[in-house]
PDB file of N, CA and C in Angstrom:
ATOM      1  N   UNK A   1       0.853  -1.185   0.000  1.00  0.00           N
ATOM      2  CA  UNK A   1       0.000   0.000   0.000  1.00  0.00           C
ATOM      3  C   UNK A   1       0.895   1.244   0.000  1.00  0.00           C
ATOM      4  N   UNK A   2       0.556   2.204  -0.822  1.00  0.00           N
ATOM      5  CA  UNK A   2       1.339   3.427  -0.948  1.00  0.00           C
ATOM      6  C   UNK A   2       1.061   4.358   0.231  1.00  0.00           C
ATOM      7  N   UNK A   3       2.112   4.937   0.778  1.00  0.00           N
ATOM      8  CA  UNK A   3       1.988   5.849   1.923  1.00  0.00           C
ATOM      9  C   UNK A   3       2.298   7.277   1.477  1.00  0.00           C
ATOM     10  N   UNK A   4       1.688   8.256   2.185  1.00  0.00           N
ATOM     11  CA  UNK A   4       1.922   9.671   1.889  1.00  0.00           C
ATOM     12  C   UNK A   4       2.249  10.414   3.185  1.00  0.00           C
ATOM     13  N   UNK A   5       3.047  11.477   3.067  1.00  0.00           N
ATOM     14  CA  UNK A   5       3.389  12.329   4.210  1.00  0.00           C
ATOM     15  C   UNK A   5       2.404  13.486   4.276  1.00  0.00           C
ATOM     16  N   UNK A   6       1.812  13.689   5.455  1.00  0.00           N
ATOM     17  CA  UNK A   6       0.827  14.756   5.656  1.00  0.00           C
ATOM     18  C   UNK A   6       1.018  15.360   7.043  1.00  0.00           C
ATOM     19  N   UNK A   7       0.355  16.486   7.281  1.00  0.00           N
ATOM     20  CA  UNK A   7       0.397  17.107   8.609  1.00  0.00           C
ATOM     21  C   UNK A   7      -0.962  17.723   8.909  1.00  0.00           C
ATOM     22  N   UNK A   8      -1.178  17.981  10.197  1.00  0.00           N
ATOM     23  CA  UNK A   8      -2.399  18.653  10.637  1.00  0.00           C
ATOM     24  C   UNK A   8      -1.989  19.685  11.675  1.00  0.00           C
ATOM     25  N   UNK A   9      -2.625  20.865  11.621  1.00  0.00           N
ATOM     26  CA  UNK A   9      -2.256  21.957  12.521  1.00  0.00           C
ATOM     27  C   UNK A   9      -3.496  22.571  13.156  1.00  0.00           C
ATOM     28  N   UNK A  10      -3.272  23.151  14.342  1.00  0.00           N
ATOM     29  CA  UNK A  10      -4.309  23.904  15.045  1.00  0.00           C
ATOM     30  C   UNK A  10      -3.594  25.016  15.786  1.00  0.00           C
ATOM     31  N   UNK A  11      -4.194  26.197  15.830  1.00  0.00           N
ATOM     32  CA  UNK A  11      -3.527  27.324  16.484  1.00  0.00           C
ATOM     33  C   UNK A  11      -4.519  28.171  17.264  1.00  0.00           C
ATOM     34  N   UNK A  12      -4.033  28.681  18.388  1.00  0.00           N
ATOM     35  CA  UNK A  12      -4.729  29.709  19.151  1.00  0.00           C
ATOM     36  C   UNK A  12      -3.765  30.886  19.244  1.00  0.00           C
ATOM     37  N   UNK A  13      -4.174  31.950  19.882  1.00  0.00           N
ATOM     38  CA  UNK A  13      -3.254  33.077  20.059  1.00  0.00           C
ATOM     39  C   UNK A  13      -2.031  32.674  20.874  1.00  0.00           C
ATOM     40  N   UNK A  14      -2.220  31.744  21.798  1.00  0.00           N
ATOM     41  CA  UNK A  14      -1.168  31.390  22.739  1.00  0.00           C
ATOM     42  C   UNK A  14      -0.268  30.250  22.272  1.00  0.00           C
ATOM     43  N   UNK A  15      -0.782  29.361  21.443  1.00  0.00           N
ATOM     44  CA  UNK A  15      -0.028  28.150  21.141  1.00  0.00           C
ATOM     45  C   UNK A  15      -0.421  27.581  19.785  1.00  0.00           C
ATOM     46  N   UNK A  16       0.519  26.832  19.201  1.00  0.00           N
ATOM     47  CA  UNK A  16       0.261  26.126  17.955  1.00  0.00           C
ATOM     48  C   UNK A  16       0.576  24.648  18.165  1.00  0.00           C
ATOM     49  N   UNK A  17      -0.186  23.798  17.490  1.00  0.00           N
ATOM     50  CA  UNK A  17       0.035  22.360  17.535  1.00  0.00           C
ATOM     51  C   UNK A  17       0.261  21.870  16.118  1.00  0.00           C
ATOM     52  N   UNK A  18       1.204  20.946  15.967  1.00  0.00           N
ATOM     53  CA  UNK A  18       1.527  20.363  14.669  1.00  0.00           C
ATOM     54  C   UNK A  18       1.707  18.864  14.850  1.00  0.00           C
ATOM     55  N   UNK A  19       1.078  18.097  13.987  1.00  0.00           N
ATOM     56  CA  UNK A  19       1.227  16.645  13.988  1.00  0.00           C
ATOM     57  C   UNK A  19       1.579  16.244  12.568  1.00  0.00           C
ATOM     58  N   UNK A  20       2.761  15.662  12.386  1.00  0.00           N
ATOM     59  CA  UNK A  20       3.202  15.199  11.073  1.00  0.00           C
ATOM     60  C   UNK A  20       3.290  13.680  11.112  1.00  0.00           C
ATOM     61  N   UNK A  21       2.862  13.057  10.035  1.00  0.00           N
ATOM     62  CA  UNK A  21       2.865  11.595  10.018  1.00  0.00           C
ATOM     63  C   UNK A  21       2.841  11.082   8.583  1.00  0.00           C
ATOM     64  N   UNK A  22       2.965   9.794   8.453  1.00  0.00           N
ATOM     65  CA  UNK A  22       2.820   9.103   7.175  1.00  0.00           C
ATOM     66  C   UNK A  22       1.575   8.226   7.285  1.00  0.00           C
ATOM     67  N   UNK A  23       0.694   8.349   6.308  1.00  0.00           N
ATOM     68  CA  UNK A  23      -0.573   7.607   6.327  1.00  0.00           C
ATOM     69  C   UNK A  23      -0.765   6.875   5.003  1.00  0.00           C
ATOM     70  N   UNK A  24      -1.614   5.857   4.993  1.00  0.00           N
ATOM     71  CA  UNK A  24      -1.923   5.182   3.728  1.00  0.00           C
ATOM     72  C   UNK A  24      -2.693   6.120   2.789  1.00  0.00           C
ATOM     73  N   UNK A  25      -2.403   6.015   1.502  1.00  0.00           N
ATOM     74  CA  UNK A  25      -3.189   6.767   0.519  1.00  0.00           C
ATOM     75  C   UNK A  25      -4.651   6.373   0.709  1.00  0.00           C
ATOM     76  N   UNK A  26      -5.558   7.352   0.618  1.00  0.00           N
ATOM     77  CA  UNK A  26      -6.977   7.084   0.841  1.00  0.00           C
ATOM     78  C   UNK A  26      -7.443   7.499   2.223  1.00  0.00           C
ATOM     79  N   UNK A  27      -6.520   8.052   3.049  1.00  0.00           N
ATOM     80  CA  UNK A  27      -6.891   8.543   4.376  1.00  0.00           C
ATOM     81  C   UNK A  27      -7.617   9.874   4.223  1.00  0.00           C
ATOM     82  N   UNK A  28      -8.689  10.060   4.987  1.00  0.00           N
ATOM     83  CA  UNK A  28      -9.458  11.308   4.905  1.00  0.00           C
ATOM     84  C   UNK A  28      -8.932  12.335   5.900  1.00  0.00           C
ATOM     85  N   UNK A  29      -9.333  13.578   5.708  1.00  0.00           N
ATOM     86  CA  UNK A  29      -8.950  14.661   6.616  1.00  0.00           C
ATOM     87  C   UNK A  29      -9.442  14.363   8.030  1.00  0.00           C
ATOM     88  N   UNK A  30     -10.657  13.860   8.158  1.00  0.00           N
ATOM     89  CA  UNK A  30     -11.203  13.539   9.479  1.00  0.00           C
ATOM     90  C   UNK A  30     -10.436  12.392  10.135  1.00  0.00           C
ATOM     91  N   UNK A  31     -10.058  11.397   9.355  1.00  0.00           N
ATOM     92  CA  UNK A  31      -9.270  10.289   9.910  1.00  0.00           C
ATOM     93  C   UNK A  31      -7.927  10.787  10.435  1.00  0.00           C
ATOM     94  N   UNK A  32      -7.300  11.724   9.726  1.00  0.00           N
ATOM     95  CA  UNK A  32      -6.038  12.296  10.195  1.00  0.00           C
ATOM     96  C   UNK A  32      -6.252  13.038  11.508  1.00  0.00           C
ATOM     97  N   UNK A  33      -7.346  13.804  11.603  1.00  0.00           N
ATOM     98  CA  UNK A  33      -7.666  14.495  12.856  1.00  0.00           C
ATOM     99  C   UNK A  33      -7.772  13.488  14.001  1.00  0.00           C
ATOM    100  N   UNK A  34      -8.466  12.398  13.769  1.00  0.00           N
ATOM    101  CA  UNK A  34      -8.635  11.383  14.811  1.00  0.00           C
ATOM    102  C   UNK A  34      -7.299  10.745  15.190  1.00  0.00           C
ATOM    103  N   UNK A  35      -6.418  10.522  14.203  1.00  0.00           N
ATOM    104  CA  UNK A  35      -5.092   9.956  14.469  1.00  0.00           C
ATOM    105  C   UNK A  35      -4.215  10.903  15.281  1.00  0.00           C
ATOM    106  N   UNK A  36      -4.406  12.197  15.083  1.00  0.00           N
ATOM    107  CA  UNK A  36      -3.526  13.197  15.698  1.00  0.00           C
ATOM    108  C   UNK A  36      -3.621  13.225  17.218  1.00  0.00           C
ATOM    109  N   UNK A  37      -4.761  12.832  17.758  1.00  0.00           N
ATOM    110  CA  UNK A  37      -4.954  12.905  19.201  1.00  0.00           C
ATOM    111  C   UNK A  37      -5.244  14.305  19.701  1.00  0.00           C
ATOM    112  N   UNK A  38      -5.429  15.257  18.792  1.00  0.00           N
ATOM    113  CA  UNK A  38      -5.680  16.650  19.187  1.00  0.00           C
ATOM    114  C   UNK A  38      -6.909  16.778  20.087  1.00  0.00           C
ATOM    115  N   UNK A  39      -7.918  15.951  19.863  1.00  0.00           N
ATOM    116  CA  UNK A  39      -9.146  16.052  20.666  1.00  0.00           C
ATOM    117  C   UNK A  39      -8.855  15.843  22.145  1.00  0.00           C
ATOM    118  N   UNK A  40      -7.846  15.031  22.456  1.00  0.00           N
ATOM    119  CA  UNK A  40      -7.485  14.779  23.852  1.00  0.00           C
ATOM    120  C   UNK A  40      -6.459  15.780  24.384  1.00  0.00           C
ATOM    121  N   UNK A  41      -5.654  16.361  23.501  1.00  0.00           N
ATOM    122  CA  UNK A  41      -4.560  17.243  23.905  1.00  0.00           C
ATOM    123  C   UNK A  41      -4.952  18.706  24.028  1.00  0.00           C
ATOM    124  N   UNK A  42      -5.924  19.140  23.252  1.00  0.00           N
ATOM    125  CA  UNK A  42      -6.214  20.567  23.124  1.00  0.00           C
ATOM    126  C   UNK A  42      -7.548  20.879  23.792  1.00  0.00           C
ATOM    127  N   UNK A  43      -7.518  21.729  24.830  1.00  0.00           N
ATOM    128  CA  UNK A  43      -8.762  22.039  25.560  1.00  0.00           C
ATOM    129  C   UNK A  43      -9.895  22.529  24.659  1.00  0.00           C
ATOM    130  N   UNK A  44      -9.611  23.355  23.675  1.00  0.00           N
ATOM    131  CA  UNK A  44     -10.649  23.904  22.810  1.00  0.00           C
ATOM    132  C   UNK A  44     -11.313  22.883  21.906  1.00  0.00           C
ATOM    133  N   UNK A  45     -10.720  21.710  21.789  1.00  0.00           N
ATOM    134  CA  UNK A  45     -11.282  20.681  20.911  1.00  0.00           C
ATOM    135  C   UNK A  45     -11.941  19.539  21.672  1.00  0.00           C
ATOM    136  N   UNK A  46     -11.756  19.504  22.979  1.00  0.00           N
ATOM    137  CA  UNK A  46     -12.380  18.445  23.774  1.00  0.00           C
ATOM    138  C   UNK A  46     -13.894  18.567  23.676  1.00  0.00           C
ATOM    139  N   UNK A  47     -14.550  17.442  23.610  1.00  0.00           N
ATOM    140  CA  UNK A  47     -16.015  17.380  23.515  1.00  0.00           C
ATOM    141  C   UNK A  47     -16.557  17.991  22.228  1.00  0.00           C
ATOM    142  N   UNK A  48     -15.698  18.140  21.216  1.00  0.00           N
ATOM    143  CA  UNK A  48     -16.148  18.649  19.926  1.00  0.00           C
ATOM    144  C   UNK A  48     -16.625  17.476  19.079  1.00  0.00           C
ATOM    145  N   UNK A  49     -17.803  17.609  18.508  1.00  0.00           N
ATOM    146  CA  UNK A  49     -18.321  16.594  17.601  1.00  0.00           C
ATOM    147  C   UNK A  49     -17.485  16.632  16.322  1.00  0.00           C
ATOM    148  N   UNK A  50     -16.852  15.526  15.992  1.00  0.00           N
ATOM    149  CA  UNK A  50     -15.974  15.470  14.823  1.00  0.00           C
ATOM    150  C   UNK A  50     -16.677  15.906  13.542  1.00  0.00           C
ATOM    151  N   UNK A  51     -17.950  15.604  13.436  1.00  0.00           N
ATOM    152  CA  UNK A  51     -18.689  15.949  12.222  1.00  0.00           C
ATOM    153  C   UNK A  51     -18.894  17.457  12.088  1.00  0.00           C
ATOM    154  N   UNK A  52     -18.736  18.200  13.177  1.00  0.00           N
ATOM    155  CA  UNK A  52     -18.935  19.650  13.139  1.00  0.00           C
ATOM    156  C   UNK A  52     -17.640  20.424  12.932  1.00  0.00           C
ATOM    157  N   UNK A  53     -16.511  19.723  12.807  1.00  0.00           N
ATOM    158  CA  UNK A  53     -15.230  20.394  12.613  1.00  0.00           C
ATOM    159  C   UNK A  53     -15.182  21.079  11.261  1.00  0.00           C
ATOM    160  N   UNK A  54     -14.571  22.249  11.230  1.00  0.00           N
ATOM    161  CA  UNK A  54     -14.286  22.920   9.965  1.00  0.00           C
ATOM    162  C   UNK A  54     -12.820  22.674   9.653  1.00  0.00           C
ATOM    163  N   UNK A  55     -12.572  21.971   8.553  1.00  0.00           N
ATOM    164  CA  UNK A  55     -11.217  21.622   8.154  1.00  0.00           C
ATOM    165  C   UNK A  55     -10.888  22.256   6.820  1.00  0.00           C
ATOM    166  N   UNK A  56      -9.608  22.504   6.603  1.00  0.00           N
ATOM    167  CA  UNK A  56      -9.150  23.036   5.334  1.00  0.00           C
ATOM    168  C   UNK A  56      -7.796  22.452   4.993  1.00  0.00           C
ATOM    169  N   UNK A  57      -7.394  22.621   3.740  1.00  0.00           N
ATOM    170  CA  UNK A  57      -6.067  22.231   3.285  1.00  0.00           C
ATOM    171  C   UNK A  57      -5.467  23.452   2.614  1.00  0.00           C
ATOM    172  N   UNK A  58      -4.377  23.943   3.186  1.00  0.00           N
ATOM    173  CA  UNK A  58      -3.714  25.148   2.683  1.00  0.00           C
ATOM    174  C   UNK A  58      -4.715  26.283   2.458  1.00  0.00           C
ATOM    175  N   UNK A  59      -5.529  26.565   3.475  1.00  0.00           N
ATOM    176  CA  UNK A  59      -6.477  27.686   3.526  1.00  0.00           C
ATOM    177  C   UNK A  59      -7.706  27.513   2.636  1.00  0.00           C
ATOM    178  N   UNK A  60      -7.889  26.347   2.041  1.00  0.00           N
ATOM    179  CA  UNK A  60      -9.105  26.063   1.276  1.00  0.00           C
ATOM    180  C   UNK A  60      -9.951  25.084   2.081  1.00  0.00           C
ATOM    181  N   UNK A  61     -11.182  25.483   2.410  1.00  0.00           N
ATOM    182  CA  UNK A  61     -12.066  24.623   3.201  1.00  0.00           C
ATOM    183  C   UNK A  61     -12.347  23.336   2.428  1.00  0.00           C
ATOM    184  N   UNK A  62     -12.294  22.215   3.156  1.00  0.00           N
ATOM    185  CA  UNK A  62     -12.581  20.911   2.550  1.00  0.00           C
ATOM    186  C   UNK A  62     -13.599  20.177   3.416  1.00  0.00           C
ATOM    187  N   UNK A  63     -14.262  19.210   2.824  1.00  0.00           N
ATOM    188  CA  UNK A  63     -15.184  18.352   3.566  1.00  0.00           C
ATOM    189  C   UNK A  63     -14.364  17.382   4.412  1.00  0.00           C
ATOM    190  N   UNK A  64     -14.968  16.875   5.468  1.00  0.00           N
ATOM    191  CA  UNK A  64     -14.260  15.950   6.353  1.00  0.00           C
ATOM    192  C   UNK A  64     -13.830  14.672   5.642  1.00  0.00           C
ATOM    193  N   UNK A  65     -14.534  14.290   4.570  1.00  0.00           N
ATOM    194  CA  UNK A  65     -14.175  13.068   3.852  1.00  0.00           C
ATOM    195  C   UNK A  65     -13.182  13.315   2.713  1.00  0.00           C
ATOM    196  N   UNK A  66     -12.620  14.524   2.644  1.00  0.00           N
ATOM    197  CA  UNK A  66     -11.601  14.848   1.641  1.00  0.00           C
ATOM    198  C   UNK A  66     -10.452  13.852   1.759  1.00  0.00           C
ATOM    199  N   UNK A  67     -10.052  13.259   0.637  1.00  0.00           N
ATOM    200  CA  UNK A  67      -8.943  12.301   0.640  1.00  0.00           C
ATOM    201  C   UNK A  67      -7.628  13.050   0.496  1.00  0.00           C
ATOM    202  N   UNK A  68      -6.740  12.796   1.430  1.00  0.00           N
ATOM    203  CA  UNK A  68      -5.476  13.523   1.496  1.00  0.00           C
ATOM    204  C   UNK A  68      -4.545  13.145   0.354  1.00  0.00           C
ATOM    205  N   UNK A  69      -3.720  14.122  -0.027  1.00  0.00           N
ATOM    206  CA  UNK A  69      -2.676  13.919  -1.022  1.00  0.00           C
ATOM    207  C   UNK A  69      -1.336  14.161  -0.352  1.00  0.00           C
ATOM    208  N   UNK A  70      -0.289  13.626  -0.919  1.00  0.00           N
ATOM    209  CA  UNK A  70       1.038  13.774  -0.337  1.00  0.00           C
ATOM    210  C   UNK A  70       1.386  15.250  -0.149  1.00  0.00           C
ATOM    211  N   UNK A  71       1.854  15.587   1.043  1.00  0.00           N
ATOM    212  CA  UNK A  71       2.253  16.963   1.339  1.00  0.00           C
ATOM    213  C   UNK A  71       1.143  17.849   1.861  1.00  0.00           C
ATOM    214  N   UNK A  72      -0.092  17.350   1.927  1.00  0.00           N
ATOM    215  CA  UNK A  72      -1.208  18.172   2.422  1.00  0.00           C
ATOM    216  C   UNK A  72      -0.987  18.583   3.875  1.00  0.00           C
ATOM    217  N   UNK A  73      -1.392  19.813   4.179  1.00  0.00           N
ATOM    218  CA  UNK A  73      -1.416  20.306   5.561  1.00  0.00           C
ATOM    219  C   UNK A  73      -2.872  20.593   5.892  1.00  0.00           C
ATOM    220  N   UNK A  74      -3.451  19.770   6.737  1.00  0.00           N
ATOM    221  CA  UNK A  74      -4.841  19.956   7.155  1.00  0.00           C
ATOM    222  C   UNK A  74      -4.860  20.989   8.273  1.00  0.00           C
ATOM    223  N   UNK A  75      -5.776  21.939   8.169  1.00  0.00           N
ATOM    224  CA  UNK A  75      -5.917  22.987   9.180  1.00  0.00           C
ATOM    225  C   UNK A  75      -7.274  22.843   9.850  1.00  0.00           C
ATOM    226  N   UNK A  76      -7.282  22.961  11.173  1.00  0.00           N
ATOM    227  CA  UNK A  76      -8.527  22.916  11.935  1.00  0.00           C
ATOM    228  C   UNK A  76      -8.905  24.358  12.221  1.00  0.00           C
ATOM    229  N   UNK A  77     -10.075  24.773  11.746  1.00  0.00           N
ATOM    230  CA  UNK A  77     -10.505  26.158  11.912  1.00  0.00           C
ATOM    231  C   UNK A  77     -11.361  26.312  13.156  1.00  0.00           C
ATOM    232  N   UNK A  78     -11.062  27.359  13.924  1.00  0.00           N
ATOM    233  CA  UNK A  78     -11.868  27.688  15.104  1.00  0.00           C
ATOM    234  C   UNK A  78     -13.098  28.467  14.647  1.00  0.00           C
ATOM    235  N   UNK A  79     -14.195  28.363  15.388  1.00  0.00           N
ATOM    236  CA  UNK A  79     -15.381  29.155  15.029  1.00  0.00           C
ATOM    237  C   UNK A  79     -15.104  30.640  15.238  1.00  0.00           C
ATOM    238  N   UNK A  80     -15.707  31.466  14.409  1.00  0.00           N
ATOM    239  CA  UNK A  80     -15.570  32.911  14.572  1.00  0.00           C
ATOM    240  C   UNK A  80     -16.282  33.349  15.841  1.00  0.00           C
ATOM    241  N   UNK A  81     -15.665  34.283  16.555  1.00  0.00           N
ATOM    242  CA  UNK A  81     -16.294  34.813  17.763  1.00  0.00           C
ATOM    243  C   UNK A  81     -17.320  35.884  17.423  1.00  0.00           C
ATOM    244  N   UNK A  82     -17.114  36.542  16.288  1.00  0.00           N
ATOM    245  CA  UNK A  82     -18.043  37.589  15.851  1.00  0.00           C
ATOM    246  C   UNK A  82     -18.158  37.530  14.333  1.00  0.00           C
ATOM    247  N   UNK A  83     -19.321  37.817  13.829  1.00  0.00           N
ATOM    248  CA  UNK A  83     -19.552  37.862  12.391  1.00  0.00           C
ATOM    249  C   UNK A  83     -18.856  39.098  11.826  1.00  0.00           C
ATOM    250  N   UNK A  84     -17.884  38.935  10.916  1.00  0.00           N
ATOM    251  CA  UNK A  84     -17.162  40.093  10.381  1.00  0.00           C
ATOM    252  C   UNK A  84     -18.073  41.146   9.752  1.00  0.00           C
ATOM    253  N   UNK A  85     -19.131  40.715   9.087  1.00  0.00           N
ATOM    254  CA  UNK A  85     -20.052  41.686   8.478  1.00  0.00           C
ATOM    255  C   UNK A  85     -20.741  42.520   9.549  1.00  0.00           C
ATOM    256  N   UNK A  86     -21.131  41.872  10.634  1.00  0.00           N
ATOM    257  CA  UNK A  86     -21.795  42.595  11.724  1.00  0.00           C
ATOM    258  C   UNK A  86     -20.827  43.561  12.402  1.00  0.00           C
ATOM    259  N   UNK A  87     -19.581  43.149  12.582  1.00  0.00           N
ATOM    260  CA  UNK A  87     -18.573  44.034  13.190  1.00  0.00           C
ATOM    261  C   UNK A  87     -18.382  45.275  12.327  1.00  0.00           C
ATOM    262  N   UNK A  88     -18.253  45.106  11.009  1.00  0.00           N
ATOM    263  CA  UNK A  88     -18.088  46.260  10.108  1.00  0.00           C
ATOM    264  C   UNK A  88     -19.313  47.169  10.164  1.00  0.00           C
ATOM    265  N   UNK A  89     -20.498  46.568  10.221  1.00  0.00           N
ATOM    266  CA  UNK A  89     -21.719  47.365  10.290  1.00  0.00           C
ATOM    267  C   UNK A  89     -21.748  48.196  11.572  1.00  0.00           C
ATOM    268  N   UNK A  90     -21.397  47.586  12.687  1.00  0.00           N
ATOM    269  CA  UNK A  90     -21.388  48.309  13.964  1.00  0.00           C
ATOM    270  C   UNK A  90     -20.354  49.437  13.953  1.00  0.00           C
ATOM    271  N   UNK A  91     -19.180  49.170  13.380  1.00  0.00           N
ATOM    272  CA  UNK A  91     -18.156  50.213  13.298  1.00  0.00           C
ATOM    273  C   UNK A  91     -18.621  51.364  12.409  1.00  0.00           C
ATOM    274  N   UNK A  92     -19.287  51.033  11.314  1.00  0.00           N
ATOM    275  CA  UNK A  92     -19.776  52.076  10.413  1.00  0.00           C
ATOM    276  C   UNK A  92     -20.797  52.967  11.111  1.00  0.00           C
ATOM    277  N   UNK A  93     -21.588  52.384  11.989  1.00  0.00           N
ATOM    278  CA  UNK A  93     -22.588  53.169  12.718  1.00  0.00           C
ATOM    279  C   UNK A  93     -21.953  54.223  13.615  1.00  0.00           C
ATOM    280  N   UNK A  94     -20.750  53.947  14.107  1.00  0.00           N
ATOM    281  CA  UNK A  94     -20.078  54.920  14.976  1.00  0.00           C
ATOM    282  C   UNK A  94     -18.981  55.678  14.237  1.00  0.00           C
ATOM    283  N   UNK A  95     -18.885  55.476  12.922  1.00  0.00           N
ATOM    284  CA  UNK A  95     -17.956  56.246  12.100  1.00  0.00           C
ATOM    285  C   UNK A  95     -16.516  55.783  12.157  1.00  0.00           C
ATOM    286  N   UNK A  96     -16.280  54.525  12.484  1.00  0.00           N
ATOM    287  CA  UNK A  96     -14.920  53.994  12.541  1.00  0.00           C
ATOM    288  C   UNK A  96     -14.725  52.975  11.427  1.00  0.00           C
ATOM    289  N   UNK A  97     -13.460  52.658  11.157  1.00  0.00           N
ATOM    290  CA  UNK A  97     -13.150  51.615  10.193  1.00  0.00           C
ATOM    291  C   UNK A  97     -12.331  50.541  10.887  1.00  0.00           C
ATOM    292  N   UNK A  98     -12.349  49.347  10.315  1.00  0.00           N
ATOM    293  CA  UNK A  98     -11.586  48.252  10.917  1.00  0.00           C
ATOM    294  C   UNK A  98     -10.104  48.581  10.866  1.00  0.00           C
ATOM    295  N   UNK A  99      -9.403  48.263  11.943  1.00  0.00           N
ATOM    296  CA  UNK A  99      -7.971  48.513  12.002  1.00  0.00           C
ATOM    297  C   UNK A  99      -7.617  49.878  12.539  1.00  0.00           C
ATOM    298  N   UNK A 100      -8.602  50.716  12.803  1.00  0.00           N
ATOM    299  CA  UNK A 100      -8.356  52.052  13.348  1.00  0.00           C
ATOM    300  C   UNK A 100      -9.226  52.254  14.572  1.00  0.00           C
ATOM    301  N   UNK A 101      -8.740  53.050  15.486  1.00  0.00           N
ATOM    302  CA  UNK A 101      -9.504  53.315  16.716  1.00  0.00           C
ATOM    303  C   UNK A 101     -10.496  54.426  16.525  1.00  0.00           C
TER     304      UNK A 101
END
């Protein structure tokens, strides 16, 4: 069976996690997440339903059943704390722009 090298990453403001491994061709993004052990290691991912994870490969969102290719870096996306459109709307109401006080 042919093997491929892949990695999975997760980041917060305080810390980054990286898991690199070799997996059989045909491994999905979700299977790599499960192999990584991140659900047990990272407080923000504990008790997270795997089916609700937002995953991407090199900043492109992918489905959990995406089949990995050699060299892929799977990224686990955190949920947004605020809707960017709503934040811009609120700033516009008070006459401010994003990035400025």
